[in-house]
Amino acid sequence: MDFFRRRKILKDKNYLDLTPVRKVEHEQEGNLVTLLIPKFTSAFAVKFIAPRMKSKYIKLKLDELGSASWLEIDGNTSVGELCNRLRNKFGEKIEPVEERLTRFLTRLYMEKIISFKEIEGEKL
């Protein structure tokens, strides 16, 4: 159910005016980023199960464009401005930038990897 509520919240907003905020850590090797997504979120699992695991993170490797997009997210820059920055950096290679970036950010939002400053306080 949470998935559909999150999707509805995004449909009611002007995407280019939203400000993405990172919710997970990352590692960087050169220009490429690997997201570190916690395997467990419950206090019990974090305390008792995670220490026994080889890694407490799921590692999600991003490609060049995804990595550049992730690194531009600073919690203060709107999606529209991110599109402009990426267009200046990659030119034609990233077009249509608005469609590609909003699709990428929507996926990250649905997986709770990012949130948006404007909707953080809204109940999900």
Protein backbone atom coordinates (compact mmCIF):
# COMPACT_ATOMS: atom_id res chain seq x y z
CA MET A 1 0.00 0.00 0.00
CA ASP A 2 2.84 2.39 0.78
CA PHE A 3 3.94 2.16 -2.87
CA PHE A 4 0.62 3.52 -4.17
CA ARG A 5 0.51 6.35 -1.63
CA ARG A 6 4.06 7.40 -2.55
CA ARG A 7 3.16 7.30 -6.25
CA LYS A 8 0.02 9.43 -5.67
CA ILE A 9 2.02 12.04 -3.75
CA LEU A 10 4.39 12.45 -6.71
CA LYS A 11 1.54 12.78 -9.22
CA ASP A 12 0.13 15.73 -7.27
CA LYS A 13 3.40 17.72 -7.43
CA ASN A 14 5.31 19.64 -10.09
CA TYR A 15 8.34 17.35 -10.29
CA LEU A 16 10.80 19.99 -11.53
CA ASP A 17 10.14 22.13 -8.43
CA LEU A 18 10.86 19.31 -5.95
CA THR A 19 14.16 19.10 -4.07
CA PRO A 20 15.57 15.56 -3.70
CA VAL A 21 17.26 14.57 -0.43
CA ARG A 22 19.51 11.51 -0.03
CA LYS A 23 18.46 8.94 2.56
CA VAL A 24 21.32 6.43 2.17
CA GLU A 25 25.11 6.60 2.18
CA HIS A 26 27.32 5.95 -0.84
CA GLU A 27 30.84 4.98 -1.83
CA GLN A 28 32.60 6.62 -4.73
CA GLU A 29 35.27 5.12 -6.96
CA GLY A 30 36.35 7.58 -9.60
CA ASN A 31 33.20 8.93 -11.24
CA LEU A 32 31.06 5.92 -10.30
CA VAL A 33 28.91 5.66 -7.19
CA THR A 34 27.72 2.63 -5.25
CA LEU A 35 24.71 3.19 -3.00
CA LEU A 36 24.79 1.49 0.41
CA ILE A 37 21.23 0.46 1.21
CA PRO A 38 20.75 -1.00 4.72
CA LYS A 39 19.50 -4.60 4.63
CA PHE A 40 17.59 -4.14 7.87
CA THR A 41 15.66 -1.21 9.29
CA SER A 42 14.07 -2.66 12.43
CA ALA A 43 15.98 -2.03 15.65
CA PHE A 44 15.93 -5.75 16.52
CA ALA A 45 17.41 -6.82 13.18
CA VAL A 46 20.04 -4.08 13.22
CA LYS A 47 21.14 -5.06 16.73
CA PHE A 48 21.04 -8.87 16.52
CA ILE A 49 21.09 -9.99 12.88
CA ALA A 50 23.16 -7.36 11.03
CA PRO A 51 26.34 -7.93 13.10
CA ARG A 52 26.34 -11.59 11.99
CA MET A 53 26.05 -10.71 8.30
CA LYS A 54 29.01 -10.33 5.97
CA SER A 55 27.74 -6.88 5.02
CA LYS A 56 24.89 -4.90 6.51
CA TYR A 57 24.28 -3.18 3.17
CA ILE A 58 22.90 -4.04 -0.22
CA LYS A 59 25.24 -2.40 -2.74
CA LEU A 60 23.64 -0.80 -5.78
CA LYS A 61 26.13 0.27 -8.45
CA LEU A 62 25.10 3.24 -10.58
CA ASP A 63 26.23 3.91 -14.13
CA GLU A 64 27.91 7.14 -15.24
CA LEU A 65 24.68 9.14 -15.62
CA GLY A 66 23.11 7.77 -12.44
CA SER A 67 26.32 8.49 -10.52
CA ALA A 68 26.48 12.06 -11.81
CA SER A 69 22.82 12.56 -10.90
CA TRP A 70 23.36 11.16 -7.38
CA LEU A 71 26.38 13.37 -6.77
CA GLU A 72 24.42 16.47 -7.78
CA ILE A 73 21.74 15.78 -5.14
CA ASP A 74 22.63 18.05 -2.23
CA GLY A 75 19.26 18.61 -0.56
CA ASN A 76 19.10 22.22 -1.77
CA THR A 77 18.89 21.91 -5.56
CA SER A 78 15.59 21.41 -7.39
CA VAL A 79 15.05 18.72 -10.00
CA GLY A 80 14.79 21.44 -12.67
CA GLU A 81 18.22 22.80 -11.71
CA LEU A 82 19.65 19.26 -11.63
CA CYS A 83 18.41 18.81 -15.20
CA ASN A 84 20.23 21.99 -16.26
CA ARG A 85 23.46 20.92 -14.56
CA LEU A 86 23.37 17.46 -16.13
CA ARG A 87 22.55 18.91 -19.56
CA ASN A 88 25.57 21.23 -19.27
CA LYS A 89 27.79 18.32 -18.21
CA PHE A 90 26.67 15.65 -20.71
CA GLY A 91 25.02 17.57 -23.55
CA GLU A 92 23.10 15.44 -26.06
CA LYS A 93 24.20 12.21 -24.36
CA ILE A 94 21.62 12.64 -21.58
CA GLU A 95 18.65 13.92 -23.60
CA PRO A 96 15.74 13.87 -22.89
CA VAL A 97 17.14 14.83 -19.48
CA GLU A 98 13.85 15.75 -17.78
CA GLU A 99 12.25 12.42 -18.61
CA ARG A 100 15.33 10.36 -17.73
CA LEU A 101 16.06 12.15 -14.46
CA THR A 102 12.47 12.14 -13.24
CA ARG A 103 12.18 8.41 -14.01
CA PHE A 104 15.46 7.72 -12.14
CA LEU A 105 14.43 9.84 -9.14
CA THR A 106 10.97 8.27 -9.06
CA ARG A 107 12.55 4.83 -8.83
CA LEU A 108 14.85 5.97 -6.00
CA TYR A 109 11.89 7.56 -4.21
CA MET A 110 9.76 4.42 -4.52
CA GLU A 111 12.61 2.37 -3.03
CA LYS A 112 12.98 4.94 -0.20
CA ILE A 113 16.54 5.77 -1.23
CA ILE A 114 15.67 9.46 -1.56
CA SER A 115 12.89 11.70 -0.37
CA PHE A 116 11.86 15.19 -1.36
CA LYS A 117 12.18 18.19 0.92
CA GLU A 118 8.69 19.41 0.04
CA ILE A 119 6.96 16.13 0.97
CA GLU A 120 9.10 14.84 3.88
CA GLY A 121 6.59 16.12 6.40
CA GLU A 122 3.56 14.69 4.58
CA LYS A 123 2.19 11.46 5.98
CA LEU A 124 2.80 8.41 3.80
